[in-house]
Protein backbone atom coordinates (compact mmCIF):
# COMPACT_ATOMS: atom_id res chain seq x y z
CA UNK A 1 -8.40 12.36 -15.97
CA UNK A 2 -8.60 9.49 -13.46
CA UNK A 3 -6.23 9.94 -10.51
CA UNK A 4 -5.12 7.02 -8.38
CA UNK A 5 -4.88 7.27 -4.60
CA UNK A 6 -1.10 7.49 -5.02
CA UNK A 7 -1.47 10.39 -7.48
CA UNK A 8 -3.72 12.23 -5.05
CA UNK A 9 -1.29 11.62 -2.18
CA UNK A 10 1.55 12.98 -4.33
CA UNK A 11 -0.52 16.07 -5.13
CA UNK A 12 -1.19 16.61 -1.43
CA UNK A 13 2.56 16.48 -0.76
CA UNK A 14 3.21 18.88 -3.64
CA UNK A 15 0.72 21.38 -2.25
CA UNK A 16 2.25 21.08 1.21
CA UNK A 17 5.65 21.78 -0.34
CA UNK A 18 4.14 24.79 -2.12
CA UNK A 19 2.77 26.05 1.20
CA UNK A 20 6.20 25.60 2.79
CA UNK A 21 7.72 27.55 -0.11
CA UNK A 22 5.23 30.34 0.53
CA UNK A 23 6.25 30.46 4.20
CA UNK A 24 9.92 30.48 3.27
CA UNK A 25 9.28 33.34 0.85
CA UNK A 26 7.31 35.21 3.52
CA UNK A 27 10.21 34.87 5.96
CA UNK A 28 12.59 36.47 3.46
CA UNK A 29 10.12 39.11 2.24
CA UNK A 30 8.28 40.86 5.06
CA UNK A 31 4.90 42.21 4.02
CA UNK A 32 4.39 45.77 5.15
CA UNK A 33 0.79 46.46 4.22
CA UNK A 34 -2.15 44.85 5.97
CA UNK A 35 -3.77 44.25 2.60
CA UNK A 36 -0.74 42.24 1.40
CA UNK A 37 -0.68 40.24 4.66
CA UNK A 38 -4.40 39.50 4.38
CA UNK A 39 -4.10 38.42 0.75
CA UNK A 40 -1.04 36.27 1.51
CA UNK A 41 -2.79 34.62 4.46
CA UNK A 42 -5.89 33.98 2.37
CA UNK A 43 -3.93 32.38 -0.47
CA UNK A 44 -1.82 30.37 1.97
CA UNK A 45 -4.98 29.06 3.65
CA UNK A 46 -6.41 28.05 0.29
CA UNK A 47 -3.24 26.17 -0.67
CA UNK A 48 -3.35 24.33 2.68
CA UNK A 49 -7.04 23.54 2.21
CA UNK A 50 -6.31 22.15 -1.24
CA UNK A 51 -3.55 19.95 0.21
CA UNK A 52 -6.05 18.67 2.80
CA UNK A 53 -8.61 18.08 0.06
CA UNK A 54 -6.15 16.01 -1.98
CA UNK A 55 -5.24 14.03 1.14
CA UNK A 56 -8.91 13.38 1.89
CA UNK A 57 -9.59 12.37 -1.73
CA UNK A 58 -6.63 9.97 -1.60
CA UNK A 59 -8.00 8.28 1.51
CA UNK A 60 -11.52 8.06 0.06
CA UNK A 61 -10.12 6.54 -3.14
CA UNK A 62 -8.07 4.05 -1.11
CA UNK A 63 -11.17 3.06 0.84
CA UNK A 64 -13.13 2.64 -2.39
CA UNK A 65 -10.32 0.44 -3.69
CA UNK A 66 -10.69 -1.68 -0.56
CA UNK A 67 -14.45 -1.94 -0.96
CA UNK A 68 -14.12 -2.99 -4.59
CA UNK A 69 -11.52 -5.57 -3.63
CA UNK A 70 -13.38 -7.29 -0.80
CA UNK A 71 -13.75 -10.44 -2.93
CA UNK A 72 -9.99 -10.40 -3.58
CA UNK A 73 -9.31 -9.97 0.14
CA UNK A 74 -11.65 -12.82 1.06
CA UNK A 75 -10.12 -15.04 -1.62
CA UNK A 76 -6.60 -14.31 -0.36
CA UNK A 77 -7.49 -15.16 3.22
CA UNK A 78 -9.16 -18.39 2.07
CA UNK A 79 -6.04 -19.26 0.09
CA UNK A 80 -3.96 -18.55 3.19
CA UNK A 81 -6.15 -20.86 5.25
CA UNK A 82 -5.77 -23.61 2.63
CA UNK A 83 -2.00 -23.06 2.41
CA UNK A 84 -1.72 -23.62 6.16
CA UNK A 85 -3.26 -27.08 5.71
CA UNK A 86 -0.66 -28.20 3.17
CA UNK A 87 2.62 -26.76 4.44
CA UNK A 88 4.74 -27.99 7.32
CA UNK A 89 7.49 -25.35 7.49
CA UNK A 90 7.19 -22.92 10.42
CA UNK A 91 8.96 -20.13 8.52
CA UNK A 92 6.37 -20.37 5.76
CA UNK A 93 3.54 -20.35 8.31
CA UNK A 94 5.03 -17.26 9.95
CA UNK A 95 5.48 -15.54 6.57
CA UNK A 96 1.81 -16.05 5.77
CA UNK A 97 0.73 -14.92 9.24
CA UNK A 98 2.95 -11.84 9.07
CA UNK A 99 1.63 -10.90 5.64
CA UNK A 100 -1.96 -11.40 6.85
CA UNK A 101 -1.31 -9.12 9.84
CA UNK A 102 0.21 -6.50 7.53
CA UNK A 103 -2.85 -6.66 5.29
CA UNK A 104 -5.18 -6.36 8.28
CA UNK A 105 -3.31 -3.31 9.55
CA UNK A 106 -3.52 -1.72 6.09
CA UNK A 107 -7.27 -2.34 5.97
CA UNK A 108 -7.85 -0.82 9.40
CA UNK A 109 -5.64 2.19 8.73
CA UNK A 110 -5.69 2.64 4.95
CA UNK A 111 -3.34 4.88 3.11
CA UNK A 112 -3.06 5.07 -0.65
CA UNK A 113 -1.52 1.87 -1.87
CA UNK A 114 -1.15 0.21 1.53
CA UNK A 115 -4.05 -2.20 1.07
CA UNK A 116 -2.90 -3.19 -2.40
CA UNK A 117 0.63 -3.69 -1.08
CA UNK A 118 -0.69 -5.73 1.86
CA UNK A 119 -2.79 -7.91 -0.42
CA UNK A 120 0.15 -8.43 -2.78
CA UNK A 121 2.35 -9.34 0.20
CA UNK A 122 -0.13 -11.99 1.37
CA UNK A 123 -0.52 -13.44 -2.13
CA UNK A 124 3.26 -13.60 -2.53
CA UNK A 125 3.69 -15.26 0.89
CA UNK A 126 1.11 -17.89 -0.09
CA UNK A 127 2.77 -18.52 -3.46
CA UNK A 128 6.19 -18.84 -1.85
CA UNK A 129 4.93 -21.12 0.90
CA UNK A 130 3.07 -23.45 -1.43
CA UNK A 131 5.61 -23.56 -4.26
CA UNK A 132 7.12 -27.01 -4.82
CA UNK A 133 10.56 -27.39 -3.28
CA UNK A 134 13.34 -27.08 -5.82
CA UNK A 135 15.31 -30.25 -6.47
CA UNK A 136 18.76 -30.36 -4.95
CA UNK A 137 21.53 -29.44 -7.42
CA UNK A 138 22.77 -32.55 -9.22
CA UNK A 139 19.80 -34.68 -8.14
CA UNK A 140 18.27 -36.91 -10.76
CA UNK A 141 14.79 -35.95 -11.87
CA UNK A 142 11.95 -38.08 -10.56
CA UNK A 143 10.81 -40.86 -12.86
CA UNK A 144 7.45 -40.39 -14.61
CA UNK A 145 4.56 -41.53 -12.46
CA UNK A 146 6.44 -40.84 -9.26
CA UNK A 147 8.43 -44.07 -9.28
CA UNK A 148 11.92 -43.51 -7.93
CA UNK A 149 13.39 -46.96 -8.17
CA UNK A 150 13.02 -50.54 -9.46
């Protein structure tokens, strides 16, 4: 079974919830024997270690996703650079810049899915910024060949 970084992060959260459930149970059910306390503490520690292991595996998987996507990241930044040469709307420039900053932050501090989301945000900002402007409602379509009049 191949687990995604998001799956691993979800498992880490599930194990943390399990550990919290163990603590809640322990609060309601005092353990009287030292043997029971030792066993409980040992099992609790193992559940916490497993949660940490899932968290670590999620981060490693996210980093591997980043490494395998370096070409995609480079391509997106090159597309952003090109987009800036063909647009003249400040809001579109700021959208691309903001998306690029978000992607950079995700790369420097990766969490499962953050790099993919950052890359998708930059790609979407580029597409939006470079999309042809929609014709005004009711406007006549341009004549073939770009001619607009006699």
